[in-house]
């Protein structure tokens, strides 16, 4: 393959960048969702602040900790998913408790936290680079 064909394929890839970004990000859908799940397990929102309000003293005593951690078990966690349109993305859950939990703890329980942004960016860029190589260089 010559330089002119590489340039043509590269230009076509860039011309369809939003669709290509969407494809690349969706290849890492599970990893992005897992980042959000781990943040919840740590009892933190996507802004790296604690999930509030805290449990009541009686419930905290029963649970053994005061800050909700939205554990990795159950339908809420199992029904979490990642979506993107190539320009922005979101993580959410299709579980029936989703509205109740976001009403109580806020929408910031979902998303990629700033503390994990570098990891997420590396995942996204690596996936986009592999897609580019397959599309342009037939790798």
C-alpha atoms as a PDB file:
ATOM      1  CA  UNK A   1       0.000   0.000   0.000  1.00  0.00           C
ATOM      2  CA  UNK A   2       1.365   3.376  -1.007  1.00  0.00           C
ATOM      3  CA  UNK A   3       1.427   6.705   0.815  1.00  0.00           C
ATOM      4  CA  UNK A   4      -1.466   8.103  -1.226  1.00  0.00           C
ATOM      5  CA  UNK A   5      -3.706   5.176  -0.246  1.00  0.00           C
ATOM      6  CA  UNK A   6      -2.715   5.554   3.417  1.00  0.00           C
ATOM      7  CA  UNK A   7      -3.521   9.289   3.212  1.00  0.00           C
ATOM      8  CA  UNK A   8      -6.890   8.561   1.572  1.00  0.00           C
ATOM      9  CA  UNK A   9      -7.830   5.981   4.241  1.00  0.00           C
ATOM     10  CA  UNK A  10      -6.578   8.253   7.020  1.00  0.00           C
ATOM     11  CA  UNK A  11      -8.636  11.184   5.707  1.00  0.00           C
ATOM     12  CA  UNK A  12     -11.707   8.947   5.525  1.00  0.00           C
ATOM     13  CA  UNK A  13     -11.096   7.791   9.103  1.00  0.00           C
ATOM     14  CA  UNK A  14     -10.861  11.408  10.303  1.00  0.00           C
ATOM     15  CA  UNK A  15     -13.916  12.452   8.268  1.00  0.00           C
ATOM     16  CA  UNK A  16     -15.889   9.854  10.255  1.00  0.00           C
ATOM     17  CA  UNK A  17     -14.152  10.517  13.564  1.00  0.00           C
ATOM     18  CA  UNK A  18     -17.275  10.624  15.777  1.00  0.00           C
ATOM     19  CA  UNK A  19     -18.439   7.221  14.533  1.00  0.00           C
ATOM     20  CA  UNK A  20     -14.905   5.860  14.919  1.00  0.00           C
ATOM     21  CA  UNK A  21     -14.605   7.242  18.450  1.00  0.00           C
ATOM     22  CA  UNK A  22     -17.969   5.676  19.276  1.00  0.00           C
ATOM     23  CA  UNK A  23     -16.778   2.298  17.974  1.00  0.00           C
ATOM     24  CA  UNK A  24     -13.477   2.560  19.842  1.00  0.00           C
ATOM     25  CA  UNK A  25     -15.122   3.543  23.130  1.00  0.00           C
ATOM     26  CA  UNK A  26     -17.762   0.837  22.873  1.00  0.00           C
ATOM     27  CA  UNK A  27     -14.951  -1.717  22.567  1.00  0.00           C
ATOM     28  CA  UNK A  28     -14.025  -0.665  26.123  1.00  0.00           C
ATOM     29  CA  UNK A  29     -17.606  -0.448  27.404  1.00  0.00           C
ATOM     30  CA  UNK A  30     -17.046  -3.029  30.152  1.00  0.00           C
ATOM     31  CA  UNK A  31     -13.823  -1.373  31.353  1.00  0.00           C
ATOM     32  CA  UNK A  32     -15.486   2.052  31.630  1.00  0.00           C
ATOM     33  CA  UNK A  33     -18.434   0.573  33.492  1.00  0.00           C
ATOM     34  CA  UNK A  34     -16.060  -1.285  35.831  1.00  0.00           C
ATOM     35  CA  UNK A  35     -14.237   1.962  36.635  1.00  0.00           C
ATOM     36  CA  UNK A  36     -17.574   3.432  37.720  1.00  0.00           C
ATOM     37  CA  UNK A  37     -18.432   0.318  39.732  1.00  0.00           C
ATOM     38  CA  UNK A  38     -15.123   0.464  41.599  1.00  0.00           C
ATOM     39  CA  UNK A  39     -15.710   4.135  42.398  1.00  0.00           C
ATOM     40  CA  UNK A  40     -19.105   3.253  43.864  1.00  0.00           C
ATOM     41  CA  UNK A  41     -17.577   0.447  45.905  1.00  0.00           C
ATOM     42  CA  UNK A  42     -15.124   2.984  47.342  1.00  0.00           C
ATOM     43  CA  UNK A  43     -18.110   5.097  48.441  1.00  0.00           C
ATOM     44  CA  UNK A  44     -17.247   7.943  46.090  1.00  0.00           C
ATOM     45  CA  UNK A  45     -19.024   9.807  43.306  1.00  0.00           C
ATOM     46  CA  UNK A  46     -17.519  10.682  39.930  1.00  0.00           C
ATOM     47  CA  UNK A  47     -16.264  13.974  41.390  1.00  0.00           C
ATOM     48  CA  UNK A  48     -14.208  11.901  43.894  1.00  0.00           C
ATOM     49  CA  UNK A  49     -16.294  13.160  46.829  1.00  0.00           C
ATOM     50  CA  UNK A  50     -18.028  10.798  49.248  1.00  0.00           C
ATOM     51  CA  UNK A  51     -21.479   9.520  48.389  1.00  0.00           C
ATOM     52  CA  UNK A  52     -23.778  11.504  50.680  1.00  0.00           C
ATOM     53  CA  UNK A  53     -25.971  11.620  52.678  1.00  0.00           C
ATOM     54  CA  UNK A  54     -24.331   9.245  55.113  1.00  0.00           C
ATOM     55  CA  UNK A  55     -26.216   6.328  56.582  1.00  0.00           C
ATOM     56  CA  UNK A  56     -28.184   6.876  59.753  1.00  0.00           C
ATOM     57  CA  UNK A  57     -26.246   5.887  62.912  1.00  0.00           C
ATOM     58  CA  UNK A  58     -28.332   2.718  63.380  1.00  0.00           C
ATOM     59  CA  UNK A  59     -27.957   1.590  59.752  1.00  0.00           C
ATOM     60  CA  UNK A  60     -24.260   2.499  59.757  1.00  0.00           C
ATOM     61  CA  UNK A  61     -23.750   0.286  62.804  1.00  0.00           C
ATOM     62  CA  UNK A  62     -25.498  -2.574  60.998  1.00  0.00           C
ATOM     63  CA  UNK A  63     -23.457  -2.074  57.798  1.00  0.00           C
ATOM     64  CA  UNK A  64     -20.139  -1.392  59.549  1.00  0.00           C
ATOM     65  CA  UNK A  65     -19.457   1.893  57.702  1.00  0.00           C
ATOM     66  CA  UNK A  66     -21.129   5.298  57.466  1.00  0.00           C
ATOM     67  CA  UNK A  67     -20.777   6.270  53.805  1.00  0.00           C
ATOM     68  CA  UNK A  68     -22.895   4.383  51.231  1.00  0.00           C
ATOM     69  CA  UNK A  69     -20.808   2.302  48.879  1.00  0.00           C
ATOM     70  CA  UNK A  70     -23.412   1.059  46.382  1.00  0.00           C
ATOM     71  CA  UNK A  71     -21.822  -2.417  46.382  1.00  0.00           C
ATOM     72  CA  UNK A  72     -20.866  -4.374  43.308  1.00  0.00           C
ATOM     73  CA  UNK A  73     -23.707  -6.845  43.786  1.00  0.00           C
ATOM     74  CA  UNK A  74     -27.312  -6.958  42.764  1.00  0.00           C
ATOM     75  CA  UNK A  75     -29.376  -5.828  39.812  1.00  0.00           C
ATOM     76  CA  UNK A  76     -28.373  -2.161  40.058  1.00  0.00           C
ATOM     77  CA  UNK A  77     -24.714  -3.036  39.471  1.00  0.00           C
ATOM     78  CA  UNK A  78     -25.503  -5.843  37.046  1.00  0.00           C
ATOM     79  CA  UNK A  79     -27.668  -3.566  34.922  1.00  0.00           C
ATOM     80  CA  UNK A  80     -25.087  -0.783  34.607  1.00  0.00           C
ATOM     81  CA  UNK A  81     -24.088   0.109  31.072  1.00  0.00           C
ATOM     82  CA  UNK A  82     -21.981   2.569  29.078  1.00  0.00           C
ATOM     83  CA  UNK A  83     -23.189   4.592  26.084  1.00  0.00           C
ATOM     84  CA  UNK A  84     -21.572   7.113  23.764  1.00  0.00           C
ATOM     85  CA  UNK A  85     -22.291   8.958  20.548  1.00  0.00           C
ATOM     86  CA  UNK A  86     -18.639   9.736  19.836  1.00  0.00           C
ATOM     87  CA  UNK A  87     -18.887  13.200  21.396  1.00  0.00           C
ATOM     88  CA  UNK A  88     -19.906  12.430  24.967  1.00  0.00           C
ATOM     89  CA  UNK A  89     -20.587   9.360  27.038  1.00  0.00           C
ATOM     90  CA  UNK A  90     -22.429   8.289  30.118  1.00  0.00           C
ATOM     91  CA  UNK A  91     -22.710   5.372  32.495  1.00  0.00           C
ATOM     92  CA  UNK A  92     -26.073   4.501  34.021  1.00  0.00           C
ATOM     93  CA  UNK A  93     -28.164   1.548  35.095  1.00  0.00           C
ATOM     94  CA  UNK A  94     -31.412   0.185  33.724  1.00  0.00           C
ATOM     95  CA  UNK A  95     -32.329  -1.212  37.150  1.00  0.00           C
ATOM     96  CA  UNK A  96     -35.572   0.034  38.691  1.00  0.00           C
ATOM     97  CA  UNK A  97     -33.627   1.423  41.699  1.00  0.00           C
ATOM     98  CA  UNK A  98     -31.649   3.808  39.483  1.00  0.00           C
ATOM     99  CA  UNK A  99     -34.046   6.754  39.881  1.00  0.00           C
ATOM    100  CA  UNK A 100     -34.339   6.219  43.615  1.00  0.00           C
ATOM    101  CA  UNK A 101     -30.553   6.100  44.043  1.00  0.00           C
ATOM    102  CA  UNK A 102     -29.879   9.156  41.863  1.00  0.00           C
ATOM    103  CA  UNK A 103     -32.625  11.064  43.692  1.00  0.00           C
ATOM    104  CA  UNK A 104     -30.997  10.193  47.014  1.00  0.00           C
ATOM    105  CA  UNK A 105     -27.297  10.454  46.111  1.00  0.00           C
ATOM    106  CA  UNK A 106     -27.252  12.573  42.931  1.00  0.00           C
ATOM    107  CA  UNK A 107     -26.361  11.969  39.284  1.00  0.00           C
ATOM    108  CA  UNK A 108     -22.657  12.121  40.132  1.00  0.00           C
ATOM    109  CA  UNK A 109     -22.766   8.501  41.301  1.00  0.00           C
ATOM    110  CA  UNK A 110     -22.329   7.761  37.600  1.00  0.00           C
ATOM    111  CA  UNK A 111     -19.327   8.647  35.467  1.00  0.00           C
ATOM    112  CA  UNK A 112     -15.573   8.362  35.227  1.00  0.00           C
ATOM    113  CA  UNK A 113     -14.001   9.981  38.292  1.00  0.00           C
ATOM    114  CA  UNK A 114     -11.235  12.533  37.858  1.00  0.00           C
ATOM    115  CA  UNK A 115      -8.897  10.279  39.833  1.00  0.00           C
ATOM    116  CA  UNK A 116      -9.329   7.563  37.168  1.00  0.00           C
ATOM    117  CA  UNK A 117      -9.446   9.854  34.133  1.00  0.00           C
ATOM    118  CA  UNK A 118      -5.899   9.022  33.012  1.00  0.00           C
ATOM    119  CA  UNK A 119      -6.688   5.288  33.024  1.00  0.00           C
ATOM    120  CA  UNK A 120      -9.891   5.900  31.042  1.00  0.00           C
ATOM    121  CA  UNK A 121      -8.063   8.119  28.548  1.00  0.00           C
ATOM    122  CA  UNK A 122      -5.400   5.453  28.022  1.00  0.00           C
ATOM    123  CA  UNK A 123      -8.098   2.853  27.390  1.00  0.00           C
ATOM    124  CA  UNK A 124      -9.873   5.133  24.914  1.00  0.00           C
ATOM    125  CA  UNK A 125      -6.727   6.196  23.063  1.00  0.00           C
ATOM    126  CA  UNK A 126      -5.415   2.636  22.859  1.00  0.00           C
ATOM    127  CA  UNK A 127      -8.703   1.417  21.432  1.00  0.00           C
ATOM    128  CA  UNK A 128      -8.845   4.306  18.943  1.00  0.00           C
ATOM    129  CA  UNK A 129      -5.253   3.642  17.843  1.00  0.00           C
ATOM    130  CA  UNK A 130      -6.029  -0.059  17.249  1.00  0.00           C
ATOM    131  CA  UNK A 131      -9.117   0.888  15.238  1.00  0.00           C
ATOM    132  CA  UNK A 132      -7.079   3.370  13.185  1.00  0.00           C
ATOM    133  CA  UNK A 133      -4.409   0.767  12.497  1.00  0.00           C
ATOM    134  CA  UNK A 134      -7.018  -1.791  11.384  1.00  0.00           C
ATOM    135  CA  UNK A 135      -8.844   0.708   9.179  1.00  0.00           C
ATOM    136  CA  UNK A 136      -5.914   2.584   7.672  1.00  0.00           C
ATOM    137  CA  UNK A 137      -3.019   0.156   7.793  1.00  0.00           C
ATOM    138  CA  UNK A 138      -4.983  -3.117   7.619  1.00  0.00           C
ATOM    139  CA  UNK A 139      -3.214  -4.256  10.801  1.00  0.00           C
END
